[in-house]
Protein backbone atom coordinates (compact mmCIF):
# COMPACT_ATOMS: atom_id res chain seq x y z
CA MET A 1 12.87 92.09 -74.46
CA GLY A 2 11.59 91.24 -70.97
CA LEU A 3 9.16 88.56 -69.92
CA ILE A 4 5.77 88.85 -71.59
CA LYS A 5 2.69 87.71 -69.70
CA ALA A 6 -0.93 87.64 -70.84
CA THR A 7 -4.25 86.70 -69.31
CA ILE A 8 -5.81 83.77 -71.18
CA GLN A 9 -8.81 81.54 -70.57
CA LEU A 10 -8.52 77.76 -70.41
CA LYS A 11 -11.47 75.39 -70.70
CA ASN A 12 -12.13 71.67 -70.98
CA PRO A 13 -14.46 71.49 -74.02
CA LYS A 14 -15.51 67.94 -73.08
CA SER A 15 -16.84 68.99 -69.65
CA THR A 16 -19.48 71.63 -70.23
CA GLN A 17 -20.37 71.75 -66.51
CA LEU A 18 -16.88 73.05 -65.64
CA LYS A 19 -16.24 76.78 -65.82
CA SER A 20 -13.29 78.16 -67.76
CA MET A 21 -10.24 79.38 -65.84
CA SER A 22 -8.65 82.77 -66.28
CA VAL A 23 -4.88 82.46 -65.86
CA VAL A 24 -1.81 84.60 -66.37
CA ALA A 25 0.48 82.84 -68.83
CA LEU A 26 4.11 83.40 -69.67
CA VAL A 27 4.24 83.98 -73.44
CA ASP A 28 7.22 82.25 -75.03
CA THR A 29 7.74 81.97 -78.79
CA GLY A 30 10.77 79.78 -78.08
CA ALA A 31 8.48 77.09 -76.66
CA LEU A 32 6.19 75.11 -78.93
CA HIS A 33 3.37 73.94 -76.71
CA LEU A 34 0.92 75.06 -74.10
CA CYS A 35 2.34 73.97 -70.75
CA ILE A 36 0.23 73.85 -67.60
CA PRO A 37 0.89 72.96 -63.98
CA GLN A 38 -0.65 69.80 -62.53
CA SER A 39 -3.10 71.93 -60.50
CA VAL A 40 -4.66 73.33 -63.71
CA ALA A 41 -4.93 69.87 -65.27
CA ILE A 42 -6.74 68.64 -62.15
CA GLN A 43 -9.11 71.63 -61.94
CA LEU A 44 -10.09 71.27 -65.60
CA GLU A 45 -10.33 67.47 -65.29
CA LEU A 46 -8.16 67.02 -68.38
CA GLU A 47 -7.58 63.48 -69.57
CA GLU A 48 -4.03 62.20 -70.00
CA LEU A 49 -3.67 61.15 -73.64
CA TYR A 50 -0.12 59.81 -73.34
CA LYS A 51 3.34 60.57 -71.95
CA ARG A 52 5.86 62.65 -73.85
CA GLU A 53 9.58 63.14 -73.30
CA VAL A 54 10.33 66.85 -73.01
CA SER A 55 13.62 68.77 -73.13
CA THR A 56 13.63 71.98 -71.12
CA ALA A 57 15.77 75.11 -71.48
CA ASP A 58 18.27 73.90 -68.88
CA GLY A 59 18.98 70.81 -71.02
CA SER A 60 17.27 68.33 -68.73
CA GLU A 61 14.81 65.68 -69.90
CA HIS A 62 11.40 65.08 -68.32
CA LEU A 63 8.67 62.52 -68.88
CA CYS A 64 5.44 64.53 -68.86
CA SER A 65 1.74 63.89 -69.26
CA TYR A 66 0.18 65.26 -72.45
CA VAL A 67 -3.45 66.14 -71.71
CA GLY A 68 -6.37 67.42 -73.68
CA PRO A 69 -8.28 68.58 -75.41
CA ILE A 70 -8.08 72.08 -73.97
CA GLN A 71 -9.61 75.26 -75.36
CA VAL A 72 -7.42 78.36 -75.14
CA SER A 73 -8.92 81.84 -75.58
CA PHE A 74 -7.37 85.30 -75.80
CA GLU A 75 -9.45 88.39 -76.60
CA ASN A 76 -11.56 87.47 -79.67
CA ARG A 77 -9.50 84.35 -80.53
CA SER A 78 -9.74 80.73 -79.52
CA CYS A 79 -8.15 77.38 -80.40
CA PHE A 80 -8.18 73.75 -79.34
CA THR A 81 -4.94 72.02 -78.43
CA GLY A 82 -3.26 69.66 -76.01
CA ALA A 83 -1.01 70.65 -73.13
CA LEU A 84 2.14 69.36 -71.50
CA VAL A 85 1.82 69.06 -67.72
CA ILE A 86 5.06 70.57 -66.44
CA GLY A 87 6.21 73.47 -64.32
CA ASN A 88 4.49 75.77 -61.86
CA GLU A 89 2.97 78.32 -64.24
CA VAL A 90 1.07 78.35 -67.52
CA LEU A 91 3.30 78.83 -70.57
CA LEU A 92 1.77 79.80 -73.93
CA GLY A 93 3.99 78.53 -76.74
CA ALA A 94 4.20 79.20 -80.46
CA VAL A 95 1.74 76.53 -81.69
CA PRO A 96 -1.41 77.89 -79.97
CA MET A 97 -0.24 81.46 -80.66
CA GLU A 98 0.02 80.71 -84.39
CA ASP A 99 -3.33 78.91 -84.33
CA MET A 100 -5.01 82.03 -82.86
CA ASP A 101 -3.01 84.43 -85.09
CA LEU A 102 -1.43 86.25 -82.14
CA LEU A 103 1.79 88.26 -82.08
CA ILE A 104 4.11 89.76 -79.51
CA SER A 105 4.38 93.51 -79.88
CA PRO A 106 8.01 94.44 -79.07
CA ALA A 107 7.10 98.11 -78.65
CA LYS A 108 4.21 97.42 -76.27
CA GLN A 109 5.86 94.38 -74.62
CA MET A 110 2.58 92.50 -74.78
CA LEU A 111 0.62 89.79 -76.59
CA ILE A 112 -1.71 91.20 -79.24
CA VAL A 113 -4.16 90.06 -81.90
CA ASN A 114 -2.56 90.32 -85.35
CA PRO A 115 -3.43 93.90 -86.46
CA GLU A 116 -3.54 92.74 -90.10
CA SER A 117 -6.47 90.45 -89.24
CA PRO A 118 -8.18 92.01 -86.21
CA ASN A 119 -11.61 90.38 -86.56
CA ILE A 120 -10.95 86.86 -87.84
CA ALA A 121 -7.80 84.82 -87.32
CA HIS A 122 -5.79 84.27 -90.50
CA SER A 123 -4.05 80.98 -91.31
CA ILE A 124 -1.97 79.71 -94.20
CA ALA A 125 -3.04 76.33 -95.52
CA LYS A 126 -1.05 75.58 -98.68
């Protein structure tokens, strides 16, 4: 499977005067978190909550800012999360994808809303 990218909207829910940003995100089920570049954190005026040590795919360790809250939207889905400030592009990881009940369609090579719950996101809470 090749690289999957999707257009998502990011918003600072604490700053209602700021507009949301439409960004193209790399979709990666192997990553857990939403990762954003410093430029996005600055534009959305996201507050640093704390630092977190992060291991990246190349095996290196980084001390990164964890910012939030941030609202993530895709099609008719939305969630609130935090984000790691790292890298030069937005990366949508498994945690916000699960929260919004999104899937990667291998046949279409794209991010999709779960077809088993097209109108309302489904979660398991047991």
